[in-house]
Amino acid sequence: MALALDIMKGGFSAGSSKAIGGQVQNSISAAGTVITDATDLKFSISVITTAGAGSGVQMPDGEIGDSIDVLNLGANAVVVYPPNTSSQINALAAGAGFQLATNTAVTLRKFTSTRWMGFLSA
């Protein structure tokens, strides 16, 4: 994806350029232990900085082809849940989350109306 600076060179405003590239939500605190009380992520790029043991985050929903990035800089692994109980990440059951280890990131891309695939960092 092009950098916001490159998009602005094409005549777009700074705000439009940033929206095209994705918005960042920093300093997120993971919470809850199930999909219904996990912290809701609101932007396409999310940085978790506080993560208690067993805590989680819930992805925002999107259109087919959309992707989101989640980075866990917290002290513990966090559970990343799909946007709703009928959505599925990789081969997990619908509504089930997966553990994102500390100091790792995942890019999640929506392929169907209910199916997301996660691509983990090293």
PDB file of N, CA and C in Angstrom:
ATOM      1  N   MET A   1       0.846  -1.171   0.000  1.00  0.00           N
ATOM      2  CA  MET A   1       0.000   0.000   0.000  1.00  0.00           C
ATOM      3  C   MET A   1       0.891   1.234   0.000  1.00  0.00           C
ATOM      4  N   ALA A   2       0.452   2.254  -0.679  1.00  0.00           N
ATOM      5  CA  ALA A   2       1.195   3.499  -0.761  1.00  0.00           C
ATOM      6  C   ALA A   2       1.208   4.221   0.585  1.00  0.00           C
ATOM      7  N   LEU A   3       2.277   4.950   0.846  1.00  0.00           N
ATOM      8  CA  LEU A   3       2.349   5.784   2.035  1.00  0.00           C
ATOM      9  C   LEU A   3       1.447   7.001   1.871  1.00  0.00           C
ATOM     10  N   ALA A   4       0.952   7.540   2.991  1.00  0.00           N
ATOM     11  CA  ALA A   4       0.106   8.729   2.938  1.00  0.00           C
ATOM     12  C   ALA A   4       0.814   9.864   2.202  1.00  0.00           C
ATOM     13  N   LEU A   5       2.125  10.001   2.411  1.00  0.00           N
ATOM     14  CA  LEU A   5       2.901  11.044   1.733  1.00  0.00           C
ATOM     15  C   LEU A   5       2.818  10.895   0.218  1.00  0.00           C
ATOM     16  N   ASP A   6       2.894   9.668  -0.272  1.00  0.00           N
ATOM     17  CA  ASP A   6       2.796   9.427  -1.719  1.00  0.00           C
ATOM     18  C   ASP A   6       1.401   9.749  -2.240  1.00  0.00           C
ATOM     19  N   ILE A   7       0.379   9.429  -1.456  1.00  0.00           N
ATOM     20  CA  ILE A   7      -1.000   9.705  -1.865  1.00  0.00           C
ATOM     21  C   ILE A   7      -1.236  11.211  -1.928  1.00  0.00           C
ATOM     22  N   MET A   8      -0.664  11.962  -0.969  1.00  0.00           N
ATOM     23  CA  MET A   8      -0.804  13.420  -0.979  1.00  0.00           C
ATOM     24  C   MET A   8      -0.149  14.018  -2.224  1.00  0.00           C
ATOM     25  N   LYS A   9       0.932  13.425  -2.695  1.00  0.00           N
ATOM     26  CA  LYS A   9       1.579  13.906  -3.926  1.00  0.00           C
ATOM     27  C   LYS A   9       0.644  13.774  -5.120  1.00  0.00           C
ATOM     28  N   GLY A  10      -0.340  12.902  -5.018  1.00  0.00           N
ATOM     29  CA  GLY A  10      -1.324  12.721  -6.075  1.00  0.00           C
ATOM     30  C   GLY A  10      -2.477  13.712  -5.991  1.00  0.00           C
ATOM     31  N   GLY A  11      -2.427  14.630  -5.023  1.00  0.00           N
ATOM     32  CA  GLY A  11      -3.441  15.666  -4.930  1.00  0.00           C
ATOM     33  C   GLY A  11      -4.488  15.459  -3.853  1.00  0.00           C
ATOM     34  N   PHE A  12      -4.389  14.392  -3.072  1.00  0.00           N
ATOM     35  CA  PHE A  12      -5.345  14.153  -1.995  1.00  0.00           C
ATOM     36  C   PHE A  12      -4.933  14.944  -0.753  1.00  0.00           C
ATOM     37  N   SER A  13      -5.904  15.299   0.080  1.00  0.00           N
ATOM     38  CA  SER A  13      -5.613  15.995   1.330  1.00  0.00           C
ATOM     39  C   SER A  13      -4.919  15.033   2.300  1.00  0.00           C
ATOM     40  N   ALA A  14      -4.295  15.609   3.339  1.00  0.00           N
ATOM     41  CA  ALA A  14      -3.633  14.780   4.349  1.00  0.00           C
ATOM     42  C   ALA A  14      -4.633  13.851   5.023  1.00  0.00           C
ATOM     43  N   GLY A  15      -5.825  14.362   5.359  1.00  0.00           N
ATOM     44  CA  GLY A  15      -6.850  13.540   6.005  1.00  0.00           C
ATOM     45  C   GLY A  15      -7.308  12.395   5.125  1.00  0.00           C
ATOM     46  N   SER A  16      -7.555  12.690   3.851  1.00  0.00           N
ATOM     47  CA  SER A  16      -7.979  11.632   2.918  1.00  0.00           C
ATOM     48  C   SER A  16      -6.875  10.608   2.735  1.00  0.00           C
ATOM     49  N   SER A  17      -5.635  11.086   2.661  1.00  0.00           N
ATOM     50  CA  SER A  17      -4.498  10.188   2.463  1.00  0.00           C
ATOM     51  C   SER A  17      -4.332   9.237   3.633  1.00  0.00           C
ATOM     52  N   LYS A  18      -4.515   9.753   4.845  1.00  0.00           N
ATOM     53  CA  LYS A  18      -4.406   8.902   6.033  1.00  0.00           C
ATOM     54  C   LYS A  18      -5.547   7.901   6.091  1.00  0.00           C
ATOM     55  N   ALA A  19      -6.754   8.322   5.700  1.00  0.00           N
ATOM     56  CA  ALA A  19      -7.906   7.413   5.710  1.00  0.00           C
ATOM     57  C   ALA A  19      -7.705   6.281   4.713  1.00  0.00           C
ATOM     58  N   ILE A  20      -7.133   6.585   3.569  1.00  0.00           N
ATOM     59  CA  ILE A  20      -6.878   5.554   2.562  1.00  0.00           C
ATOM     60  C   ILE A  20      -5.876   4.536   3.086  1.00  0.00           C
ATOM     61  N   GLY A  21      -4.846   5.000   3.775  1.00  0.00           N
ATOM     62  CA  GLY A  21      -3.802   4.117   4.291  1.00  0.00           C
ATOM     63  C   GLY A  21      -4.174   3.397   5.558  1.00  0.00           C
ATOM     64  N   GLY A  22      -5.197   3.862   6.249  1.00  0.00           N
ATOM     65  CA  GLY A  22      -5.625   3.236   7.502  1.00  0.00           C
ATOM     66  C   GLY A  22      -5.324   4.108   8.692  1.00  0.00           C
ATOM     67  N   GLN A  23      -6.190   4.049   9.686  1.00  0.00           N
ATOM     68  CA  GLN A  23      -6.045   4.826  10.914  1.00  0.00           C
ATOM     69  C   GLN A  23      -5.446   3.951  12.005  1.00  0.00           C
ATOM     70  N   VAL A  24      -4.599   4.562  12.845  1.00  0.00           N
ATOM     71  CA  VAL A  24      -3.921   3.841  13.915  1.00  0.00           C
ATOM     72  C   VAL A  24      -4.576   4.160  15.254  1.00  0.00           C
ATOM     73  N   GLN A  25      -4.813   3.116  16.042  1.00  0.00           N
ATOM     74  CA  GLN A  25      -5.279   3.268  17.416  1.00  0.00           C
ATOM     75  C   GLN A  25      -4.157   2.750  18.313  1.00  0.00           C
ATOM     76  N   ASN A  26      -3.520   3.655  19.049  1.00  0.00           N
ATOM     77  CA  ASN A  26      -2.409   3.306  19.940  1.00  0.00           C
ATOM     78  C   ASN A  26      -2.901   3.135  21.373  1.00  0.00           C
ATOM     79  N   SER A  27      -2.049   2.551  22.195  1.00  0.00           N
ATOM     80  CA  SER A  27      -2.276   2.448  23.641  1.00  0.00           C
ATOM     81  C   SER A  27      -3.585   1.764  23.998  1.00  0.00           C
ATOM     82  N   ILE A  28      -3.850   0.635  23.376  1.00  0.00           N
ATOM     83  CA  ILE A  28      -5.065  -0.132  23.654  1.00  0.00           C
ATOM     84  C   ILE A  28      -4.821  -1.059  24.840  1.00  0.00           C
ATOM     85  N   SER A  29      -5.797  -1.135  25.722  1.00  0.00           N
ATOM     86  CA  SER A  29      -5.758  -2.080  26.837  1.00  0.00           C
ATOM     87  C   SER A  29      -6.706  -3.235  26.519  1.00  0.00           C
ATOM     88  N   ALA A  30      -6.154  -4.444  26.405  1.00  0.00           N
ATOM     89  CA  ALA A  30      -6.987  -5.628  26.193  1.00  0.00           C
ATOM     90  C   ALA A  30      -7.756  -5.907  27.483  1.00  0.00           C
ATOM     91  N   ALA A  31      -8.993  -6.398  27.348  1.00  0.00           N
ATOM     92  CA  ALA A  31      -9.825  -6.660  28.527  1.00  0.00           C
ATOM     93  C   ALA A  31     -10.753  -7.831  28.255  1.00  0.00           C
ATOM     94  N   GLY A  32     -11.407  -8.281  29.299  1.00  0.00           N
ATOM     95  CA  GLY A  32     -12.382  -9.356  29.156  1.00  0.00           C
ATOM     96  C   GLY A  32     -11.740 -10.698  28.904  1.00  0.00           C
ATOM     97  N   THR A  33     -12.577 -11.731  28.957  1.00  0.00           N
ATOM     98  CA  THR A  33     -12.074 -13.090  28.764  1.00  0.00           C
ATOM     99  C   THR A  33     -12.895 -13.876  27.740  1.00  0.00           C
ATOM    100  N   VAL A  34     -13.929 -13.244  27.173  1.00  0.00           N
ATOM    101  CA  VAL A  34     -14.760 -13.862  26.140  1.00  0.00           C
ATOM    102  C   VAL A  34     -15.072 -12.807  25.079  1.00  0.00           C
ATOM    103  N   ILE A  35     -15.606 -13.238  23.946  1.00  0.00           N
ATOM    104  CA  ILE A  35     -15.863 -12.334  22.836  1.00  0.00           C
ATOM    105  C   ILE A  35     -16.778 -11.171  23.223  1.00  0.00           C
ATOM    106  N   THR A  36     -17.716 -11.401  24.130  1.00  0.00           N
ATOM    107  CA  THR A  36     -18.693 -10.357  24.464  1.00  0.00           C
ATOM    108  C   THR A  36     -18.154  -9.259  25.373  1.00  0.00           C
ATOM    109  N   ASP A  37     -17.022  -9.496  26.057  1.00  0.00           N
ATOM    110  CA  ASP A  37     -16.486  -8.430  26.912  1.00  0.00           C
ATOM    111  C   ASP A  37     -15.045  -8.045  26.555  1.00  0.00           C
ATOM    112  N   ALA A  38     -14.556  -8.507  25.434  1.00  0.00           N
ATOM    113  CA  ALA A  38     -13.221  -8.120  24.972  1.00  0.00           C
ATOM    114  C   ALA A  38     -13.240  -6.660  24.514  1.00  0.00           C
ATOM    115  N   THR A  39     -12.093  -6.027  24.531  1.00  0.00           N
ATOM    116  CA  THR A  39     -11.972  -4.644  24.068  1.00  0.00           C
ATOM    117  C   THR A  39     -12.263  -4.568  22.575  1.00  0.00           C
ATOM    118  N   ASP A  40     -13.152  -3.673  22.181  1.00  0.00           N
ATOM    119  CA  ASP A  40     -13.483  -3.491  20.763  1.00  0.00           C
ATOM    120  C   ASP A  40     -12.397  -2.676  20.069  1.00  0.00           C
ATOM    121  N   LEU A  41     -11.850  -3.222  18.993  1.00  0.00           N
ATOM    122  CA  LEU A  41     -10.909  -2.471  18.172  1.00  0.00           C
ATOM    123  C   LEU A  41     -11.719  -1.633  17.198  1.00  0.00           C
ATOM    124  N   LYS A  42     -11.271  -0.400  16.934  1.00  0.00           N
ATOM    125  CA  LYS A  42     -12.063   0.527  16.129  1.00  0.00           C
ATOM    126  C   LYS A  42     -11.387   0.979  14.849  1.00  0.00           C
ATOM    127  N   PHE A  43     -10.110   0.691  14.685  1.00  0.00           N
ATOM    128  CA  PHE A  43      -9.369   1.171  13.530  1.00  0.00           C
ATOM    129  C   PHE A  43      -8.701   0.019  12.788  1.00  0.00           C
ATOM    130  N   SER A  44      -8.158   0.308  11.619  1.00  0.00           N
ATOM    131  CA  SER A  44      -7.555  -0.744  10.809  1.00  0.00           C
ATOM    132  C   SER A  44      -6.162  -1.134  11.298  1.00  0.00           C
ATOM    133  N   ILE A  45      -5.543  -0.298  12.133  1.00  0.00           N
ATOM    134  CA  ILE A  45      -4.240  -0.609  12.711  1.00  0.00           C
ATOM    135  C   ILE A  45      -4.357  -0.403  14.215  1.00  0.00           C
ATOM    136  N   SER A  46      -4.136  -1.468  14.995  1.00  0.00           N
ATOM    137  CA  SER A  46      -4.331  -1.414  16.446  1.00  0.00           C
ATOM    138  C   SER A  46      -3.078  -1.862  17.168  1.00  0.00           C
ATOM    139  N   VAL A  47      -2.660  -1.071  18.165  1.00  0.00           N
ATOM    140  CA  VAL A  47      -1.463  -1.375  18.952  1.00  0.00           C
ATOM    141  C   VAL A  47      -1.880  -1.587  20.402  1.00  0.00           C
ATOM    142  N   ILE A  48      -1.762  -2.829  20.857  1.00  0.00           N
ATOM    143  CA  ILE A  48      -2.103  -3.187  22.236  1.00  0.00           C
ATOM    144  C   ILE A  48      -0.864  -2.960  23.096  1.00  0.00           C
ATOM    145  N   THR A  49      -1.004  -2.149  24.164  1.00  0.00           N
ATOM    146  CA  THR A  49       0.125  -1.879  25.047  1.00  0.00           C
ATOM    147  C   THR A  49      -0.090  -2.423  26.457  1.00  0.00           C
ATOM    148  N   THR A  50      -1.329  -2.730  26.807  1.00  0.00           N
ATOM    149  CA  THR A  50      -1.633  -3.301  28.124  1.00  0.00           C
ATOM    150  C   THR A  50      -2.435  -4.577  27.911  1.00  0.00           C
ATOM    151  N   ALA A  51      -1.895  -5.686  28.432  1.00  0.00           N
ATOM    152  CA  ALA A  51      -2.545  -6.983  28.224  1.00  0.00           C
ATOM    153  C   ALA A  51      -2.408  -7.834  29.480  1.00  0.00           C
ATOM    154  N   GLY A  52      -3.489  -7.899  30.235  1.00  0.00           N
ATOM    155  CA  GLY A  52      -3.509  -8.786  31.389  1.00  0.00           C
ATOM    156  C   GLY A  52      -3.633 -10.233  30.932  1.00  0.00           C
ATOM    157  N   ALA A  53      -3.275 -11.153  31.786  1.00  0.00           N
ATOM    158  CA  ALA A  53      -3.366 -12.578  31.458  1.00  0.00           C
ATOM    159  C   ALA A  53      -4.792 -12.940  31.087  1.00  0.00           C
ATOM    160  N   GLY A  54      -4.977 -13.581  29.941  1.00  0.00           N
ATOM    161  CA  GLY A  54      -6.282 -14.040  29.496  1.00  0.00           C
ATOM    162  C   GLY A  54      -7.160 -12.977  28.861  1.00  0.00           C
ATOM    163  N   SER A  55      -6.663 -11.755  28.734  1.00  0.00           N
ATOM    164  CA  SER A  55      -7.485 -10.671  28.178  1.00  0.00           C
ATOM    165  C   SER A  55      -7.572 -10.773  26.660  1.00  0.00           C
ATOM    166  N   GLY A  56      -8.524 -10.014  26.083  1.00  0.00           N
ATOM    167  CA  GLY A  56      -8.726 -10.124  24.646  1.00  0.00           C
ATOM    168  C   GLY A  56      -9.171  -8.837  23.980  1.00  0.00           C
ATOM    169  N   VAL A  57      -9.187  -8.881  22.657  1.00  0.00           N
ATOM    170  CA  VAL A  57      -9.679  -7.793  21.821  1.00  0.00           C
ATOM    171  C   VAL A  57     -10.589  -8.392  20.755  1.00  0.00           C
ATOM    172  N   GLN A  58     -11.541  -7.592  20.284  1.00  0.00           N
ATOM    173  CA  GLN A  58     -12.461  -8.041  19.248  1.00  0.00           C
ATOM    174  C   GLN A  58     -12.274  -7.169  18.012  1.00  0.00           C
ATOM    175  N   MET A  59     -12.059  -7.812  16.876  1.00  0.00           N
ATOM    176  CA  MET A  59     -11.836  -7.122  15.613  1.00  0.00           C
ATOM    177  C   MET A  59     -13.071  -6.333  15.191  1.00  0.00           C
ATOM    178  N   PRO A  60     -12.868  -5.228  14.461  1.00  0.00           N
ATOM    179  CA  PRO A  60     -14.010  -4.569  13.830  1.00  0.00           C
ATOM    180  C   PRO A  60     -14.408  -5.370  12.594  1.00  0.00           C
ATOM    181  N   ASP A  61     -15.642  -5.251  12.160  1.00  0.00           N
ATOM    182  CA  ASP A  61     -16.053  -5.927  10.935  1.00  0.00           C
ATOM    183  C   ASP A  61     -15.653  -5.070   9.743  1.00  0.00           C
ATOM    184  N   GLY A  62     -15.707  -5.632   8.582  1.00  0.00           N
ATOM    185  CA  GLY A  62     -15.339  -4.888   7.384  1.00  0.00           C
ATOM    186  C   GLY A  62     -15.986  -5.487   6.157  1.00  0.00           C
ATOM    187  N   GLU A  63     -15.578  -4.952   5.032  1.00  0.00           N
ATOM    188  CA  GLU A  63     -16.043  -5.453   3.736  1.00  0.00           C
ATOM    189  C   GLU A  63     -15.101  -6.549   3.255  1.00  0.00           C
ATOM    190  N   ILE A  64     -15.575  -7.408   2.379  1.00  0.00           N
ATOM    191  CA  ILE A  64     -14.717  -8.438   1.797  1.00  0.00           C
ATOM    192  C   ILE A  64     -13.531  -7.747   1.133  1.00  0.00           C
ATOM    193  N   GLY A  65     -12.336  -8.218   1.435  1.00  0.00           N
ATOM    194  CA  GLY A  65     -11.104  -7.625   0.921  1.00  0.00           C
ATOM    195  C   GLY A  65     -10.419  -6.701   1.906  1.00  0.00           C
ATOM    196  N   ASP A  66     -11.137  -6.261   2.950  1.00  0.00           N
ATOM    197  CA  ASP A  66     -10.531  -5.399   3.964  1.00  0.00           C
ATOM    198  C   ASP A  66      -9.529  -6.187   4.791  1.00  0.00           C
ATOM    199  N   SER A  67      -8.571  -5.470   5.366  1.00  0.00           N
ATOM    200  CA  SER A  67      -7.638  -6.105   6.293  1.00  0.00           C
ATOM    201  C   SER A  67      -7.378  -5.175   7.464  1.00  0.00           C
ATOM    202  N   ILE A  68      -7.029  -5.772   8.589  1.00  0.00           N
ATOM    203  CA  ILE A  68      -6.644  -5.021   9.774  1.00  0.00           C
ATOM    204  C   ILE A  68      -5.339  -5.593  10.298  1.00  0.00           C
ATOM    205  N   ASP A  69      -4.592  -4.754  11.004  1.00  0.00           N
ATOM    206  CA  ASP A  69      -3.336  -5.164  11.621  1.00  0.00           C
ATOM    207  C   ASP A  69      -3.461  -4.988  13.123  1.00  0.00           C
ATOM    208  N   VAL A  70      -2.995  -5.984  13.877  1.00  0.00           N
ATOM    209  CA  VAL A  70      -3.005  -5.923  15.333  1.00  0.00           C
ATOM    210  C   VAL A  70      -1.599  -6.251  15.820  1.00  0.00           C
ATOM    211  N   LEU A  71      -1.034  -5.356  16.640  1.00  0.00           N
ATOM    212  CA  LEU A  71       0.296  -5.541  17.225  1.00  0.00           C
ATOM    213  C   LEU A  71       0.143  -5.645  18.728  1.00  0.00           C
ATOM    214  N   ASN A  72       0.708  -6.682  19.328  1.00  0.00           N
ATOM    215  CA  ASN A  72       0.629  -6.873  20.772  1.00  0.00           C
ATOM    216  C   ASN A  72       1.968  -6.528  21.416  1.00  0.00           C
ATOM    217  N   LEU A  73       2.016  -5.372  22.077  1.00  0.00           N
ATOM    218  CA  LEU A  73       3.202  -4.961  22.831  1.00  0.00           C
ATOM    219  C   LEU A  73       2.980  -5.092  24.336  1.00  0.00           C
ATOM    220  N   GLY A  74       1.887  -5.752  24.711  1.00  0.00           N
ATOM    221  CA  GLY A  74       1.566  -5.944  26.126  1.00  0.00           C
ATOM    222  C   GLY A  74       2.459  -6.985  26.771  1.00  0.00           C
ATOM    223  N   ALA A  75       2.302  -7.141  28.069  1.00  0.00           N
ATOM    224  CA  ALA A  75       3.131  -8.071  28.838  1.00  0.00           C
ATOM    225  C   ALA A  75       2.698  -9.524  28.699  1.00  0.00           C
ATOM    226  N   ASN A  76       1.476  -9.762  28.181  1.00  0.00           N
ATOM    227  CA  ASN A  76       0.937 -11.113  28.048  1.00  0.00           C
ATOM    228  C   ASN A  76       0.352 -11.318  26.660  1.00  0.00           C
ATOM    229  N   ALA A  77       0.180 -12.580  26.293  1.00  0.00           N
ATOM    230  CA  ALA A  77      -0.541 -12.902  25.062  1.00  0.00           C
ATOM    231  C   ALA A  77      -1.972 -12.405  25.200  1.00  0.00           C
ATOM    232  N   VAL A  78      -2.589 -12.049  24.085  1.00  0.00           N
ATOM    233  CA  VAL A  78      -3.996 -11.642  24.094  1.00  0.00           C
ATOM    234  C   VAL A  78      -4.769 -12.540  23.139  1.00  0.00           C
ATOM    235  N   VAL A  79      -6.064 -12.682  23.412  1.00  0.00           N
ATOM    236  CA  VAL A  79      -6.933 -13.431  22.521  1.00  0.00           C
ATOM    237  C   VAL A  79      -7.544 -12.437  21.534  1.00  0.00           C
ATOM    238  N   VAL A  80      -7.397 -12.719  20.242  1.00  0.00           N
ATOM    239  CA  VAL A  80      -7.997 -11.891  19.197  1.00  0.00           C
ATOM    240  C   VAL A  80      -9.252 -12.605  18.718  1.00  0.00           C
ATOM    241  N   TYR A  81     -10.406 -11.947  18.917  1.00  0.00           N
ATOM    242  CA  TYR A  81     -11.696 -12.519  18.540  1.00  0.00           C
ATOM    243  C   TYR A  81     -12.170 -11.929  17.215  1.00  0.00           C
ATOM    244  N   PRO A  82     -12.957 -12.699  16.454  1.00  0.00           N
ATOM    245  CA  PRO A  82     -13.548 -12.161  15.223  1.00  0.00           C
ATOM    246  C   PRO A  82     -14.596 -11.101  15.561  1.00  0.00           C
ATOM    247  N   PRO A  83     -15.121 -10.405  14.555  1.00  0.00           N
ATOM    248  CA  PRO A  83     -16.063  -9.326  14.815  1.00  0.00           C
ATOM    249  C   PRO A  83     -17.410  -9.765  15.401  1.00  0.00           C
ATOM    250  N   ASN A  84     -17.770 -11.015  15.248  1.00  0.00           N
ATOM    251  CA  ASN A  84     -19.053 -11.493  15.779  1.00  0.00           C
ATOM    252  C   ASN A  84     -18.987 -13.020  15.931  1.00  0.00           C
ATOM    253  N   THR A  85     -19.999 -13.584  16.548  1.00  0.00           N
ATOM    254  CA  THR A  85     -19.977 -15.019  16.841  1.00  0.00           C
ATOM    255  C   THR A  85     -20.229 -15.897  15.621  1.00  0.00           C
ATOM    256  N   SER A  86     -20.604 -15.320  14.487  1.00  0.00           N
ATOM    257  CA  SER A  86     -20.783 -16.123  13.274  1.00  0.00           C
ATOM    258  C   SER A  86     -19.588 -16.038  12.336  1.00  0.00           C
ATOM    259  N   SER A  87     -18.602 -15.202  12.682  1.00  0.00           N
ATOM    260  CA  SER A  87     -17.392 -15.092  11.855  1.00  0.00           C
ATOM    261  C   SER A  87     -16.317 -16.044  12.350  1.00  0.00           C
ATOM    262  N   GLN A  88     -15.414 -16.387  11.451  1.00  0.00           N
ATOM    263  CA  GLN A  88     -14.397 -17.400  11.716  1.00  0.00           C
ATOM    264  C   GLN A  88     -13.029 -16.883  11.288  1.00  0.00           C
ATOM    265  N   ILE A  89     -12.010 -17.139  12.111  1.00  0.00           N
ATOM    266  CA  ILE A  89     -10.623 -16.816  11.783  1.00  0.00           C
ATOM    267  C   ILE A  89      -9.907 -18.127  11.491  1.00  0.00           C
ATOM    268  N   ASN A  90      -9.269 -18.199  10.328  1.00  0.00           N
ATOM    269  CA  ASN A  90      -8.559 -19.410   9.899  1.00  0.00           C
ATOM    270  C   ASN A  90      -9.484 -20.625  10.066  1.00  0.00           C
ATOM    271  N   ALA A  91      -9.009 -21.692  10.694  1.00  0.00           N
ATOM    272  CA  ALA A  91      -9.814 -22.904  10.835  1.00  0.00           C
ATOM    273  C   ALA A  91     -10.459 -23.022  12.210  1.00  0.00           C
ATOM    274  N   LEU A  92     -10.490 -21.920  12.965  1.00  0.00           N
ATOM    275  CA  LEU A  92     -11.111 -21.946  14.284  1.00  0.00           C
ATOM    276  C   LEU A  92     -12.634 -22.003  14.159  1.00  0.00           C
ATOM    277  N   ALA A  93     -13.285 -22.375  15.223  1.00  0.00           N
ATOM    278  CA  ALA A  93     -14.746 -22.389  15.249  1.00  0.00           C
ATOM    279  C   ALA A  93     -15.269 -20.957  15.146  1.00  0.00           C
ATOM    280  N   ALA A  94     -16.478 -20.807  14.659  1.00  0.00           N
ATOM    281  CA  ALA A  94     -17.101 -19.483  14.565  1.00  0.00           C
ATOM    282  C   ALA A  94     -17.136 -18.841  15.947  1.00  0.00           C
ATOM    283  N   GLY A  95     -16.704 -17.588  16.021  1.00  0.00           N
ATOM    284  CA  GLY A  95     -16.696 -16.850  17.273  1.00  0.00           C
ATOM    285  C   GLY A  95     -15.497 -17.098  18.159  1.00  0.00           C
ATOM    286  N   ALA A  96     -14.650 -18.055  17.795  1.00  0.00           N
ATOM    287  CA  ALA A  96     -13.480 -18.385  18.618  1.00  0.00           C
ATOM    288  C   ALA A  96     -12.316 -17.454  18.303  1.00  0.00           C
ATOM    289  N   GLY A  97     -11.550 -17.120  19.339  1.00  0.00           N
ATOM    290  CA  GLY A  97     -10.371 -16.284  19.180  1.00  0.00           C
ATOM    291  C   GLY A  97      -9.096 -17.112  19.197  1.00  0.00           C
ATOM    292  N   PHE A  98      -8.000 -16.449  18.871  1.00  0.00           N
ATOM    293  CA  PHE A  98      -6.689 -17.106  18.904  1.00  0.00           C
ATOM    294  C   PHE A  98      -5.729 -16.267  19.740  1.00  0.00           C
ATOM    295  N   GLN A  99      -4.697 -16.922  20.252  1.00  0.00           N
ATOM    296  CA  GLN A  99      -3.695 -16.268  21.086  1.00  0.00           C
ATOM    297  C   GLN A  99      -2.686 -15.525  20.210  1.00  0.00           C
ATOM    298  N   LEU A 100      -2.514 -14.225  20.478  1.00  0.00           N
ATOM    299  CA  LEU A 100      -1.481 -13.432  19.820  1.00  0.00           C
ATOM    300  C   LEU A 100      -0.397 -13.169  20.853  1.00  0.00           C
ATOM    301  N   ALA A 101       0.761 -13.774  20.644  1.00  0.00           N
ATOM    302  CA  ALA A 101       1.860 -13.670  21.601  1.00  0.00           C
ATOM    303  C   ALA A 101       2.341 -12.231  21.722  1.00  0.00           C
ATOM    304  N   THR A 102       2.985 -11.936  22.841  1.00  0.00           N
ATOM    305  CA  THR A 102       3.538 -10.609  23.039  1.00  0.00           C
ATOM    306  C   THR A 102       4.641 -10.331  22.014  1.00  0.00           C
ATOM    307  N   ASN A 103       4.771  -9.089  21.613  1.00  0.00           N
ATOM    308  CA  ASN A 103       5.752  -8.634  20.621  1.00  0.00           C
ATOM    309  C   ASN A 103       5.580  -9.301  19.256  1.00  0.00           C
ATOM    310  N   THR A 104       4.346  -9.658  18.914  1.00  0.00           N
ATOM    311  CA  THR A 104       4.041 -10.168  17.583  1.00  0.00           C
ATOM    312  C   THR A 104       2.850  -9.407  17.014  1.00  0.00           C
ATOM    313  N   ALA A 105       2.671  -9.549  15.718  1.00  0.00           N
ATOM    314  CA  ALA A 105       1.576  -8.866  15.025  1.00  0.00           C
ATOM    315  C   ALA A 105       0.867  -9.857  14.120  1.00  0.00           C
ATOM    316  N   VAL A 106      -0.355  -9.496  13.733  1.00  0.00           N
ATOM    317  CA  VAL A 106      -1.126 -10.307  12.795  1.00  0.00           C
ATOM    318  C   VAL A 106      -1.846  -9.361  11.838  1.00  0.00           C
ATOM    319  N   THR A 107      -1.866  -9.739  10.576  1.00  0.00           N
ATOM    320  CA  THR A 107      -2.707  -9.069   9.588  1.00  0.00           C
ATOM    321  C   THR A 107      -3.861 -10.004   9.317  1.00  0.00           C
ATOM    322  N   LEU A 108      -5.077  -9.504   9.456  1.00  0.00           N
ATOM    323  CA  LEU A 108      -6.285 -10.297   9.239  1.00  0.00           C
ATOM    324  C   LEU A 108      -7.012  -9.743   8.024  1.00  0.00           C
ATOM    325  N   ARG A 109      -7.299 -10.613   7.048  1.00  0.00           N
ATOM    326  CA  ARG A 109      -7.974 -10.196   5.810  1.00  0.00           C
ATOM    327  C   ARG A 109      -9.294 -10.935   5.686  1.00  0.00           C
ATOM    328  N   LYS A 110     -10.339 -10.198   5.310  1.00  0.00           N
ATOM    329  CA  LYS A 110     -11.670 -10.781   5.155  1.00  0.00           C
ATOM    330  C   LYS A 110     -11.833 -11.309   3.728  1.00  0.00           C
ATOM    331  N   PHE A 111     -12.094 -12.629   3.604  1.00  0.00           N
ATOM    332  CA  PHE A 111     -12.216 -13.268   2.300  1.00  0.00           C
ATOM    333  C   PHE A 111     -13.656 -13.547   1.884  1.00  0.00           C
ATOM    334  N   THR A 112     -14.532 -13.801   2.860  1.00  0.00           N
ATOM    335  CA  THR A 112     -15.954 -14.021   2.573  1.00  0.00           C
ATOM    336  C   THR A 112     -16.745 -13.218   3.597  1.00  0.00           C
ATOM    337  N   SER A 113     -18.051 -13.320   3.554  1.00  0.00           N
ATOM    338  CA  SER A 113     -18.855 -12.542   4.496  1.00  0.00           C
ATOM    339  C   SER A 113     -18.628 -12.941   5.948  1.00  0.00           C
ATOM    340  N   THR A 114     -18.101 -14.156   6.182  1.00  0.00           N
ATOM    341  CA  THR A 114     -17.879 -14.615   7.561  1.00  0.00           C
ATOM    342  C   THR A 114     -16.481 -15.182   7.811  1.00  0.00           C
ATOM    343  N   ARG A 115     -15.607 -15.143   6.837  1.00  0.00           N
ATOM    344  CA  ARG A 115     -14.305 -15.820   6.975  1.00  0.00           C
ATOM    345  C   ARG A 115     -13.143 -14.848   6.861  1.00  0.00           C
ATOM    346  N   TRP A 116     -12.289 -14.869   7.896  1.00  0.00           N
ATOM    347  CA  TRP A 116     -11.073 -14.061   7.950  1.00  0.00           C
ATOM    348  C   TRP A 116      -9.864 -15.003   7.994  1.00  0.00           C
ATOM    349  N   MET A 117      -8.768 -14.586   7.384  1.00  0.00           N
ATOM    350  CA  MET A 117      -7.516 -15.333   7.457  1.00  0.00           C
ATOM    351  C   MET A 117      -6.488 -14.467   8.169  1.00  0.00           C
ATOM    352  N   GLY A 118      -5.744 -15.062   9.094  1.00  0.00           N
ATOM    353  CA  GLY A 118      -4.709 -14.338   9.831  1.00  0.00           C
ATOM    354  C   GLY A 118      -3.338 -14.721   9.342  1.00  0.00           C
ATOM    355  N   PHE A 119      -2.498 -13.713   9.159  1.00  0.00           N
ATOM    356  CA  PHE A 119      -1.114 -13.898   8.716  1.00  0.00           C
ATOM    357  C   PHE A 119      -0.213 -13.344   9.808  1.00  0.00           C
ATOM    358  N   LEU A 120       0.452 -14.242  10.547  1.00  0.00           N
ATOM    359  CA  LEU A 120       1.220 -13.883  11.732  1.00  0.00           C
ATOM    360  C   LEU A 120       2.639 -13.453  11.397  1.00  0.00           C
ATOM    361  N   SER A 121       3.162 -12.507  12.216  1.00  0.00           N
ATOM    362  CA  SER A 121       4.569 -12.127  12.112  1.00  0.00           C
ATOM    363  C   SER A 121       5.417 -13.199  12.789  1.00  0.00           C
ATOM    364  N   ALA A 122       6.691 -13.059  12.645  1.00  0.00           N
ATOM    365  CA  ALA A 122       7.618 -14.018  13.271  1.00  0.00           C
ATOM    366  C   ALA A 122       7.788 -13.715  14.746  1.00  0.00           C
TER     367      ALA A 122
END
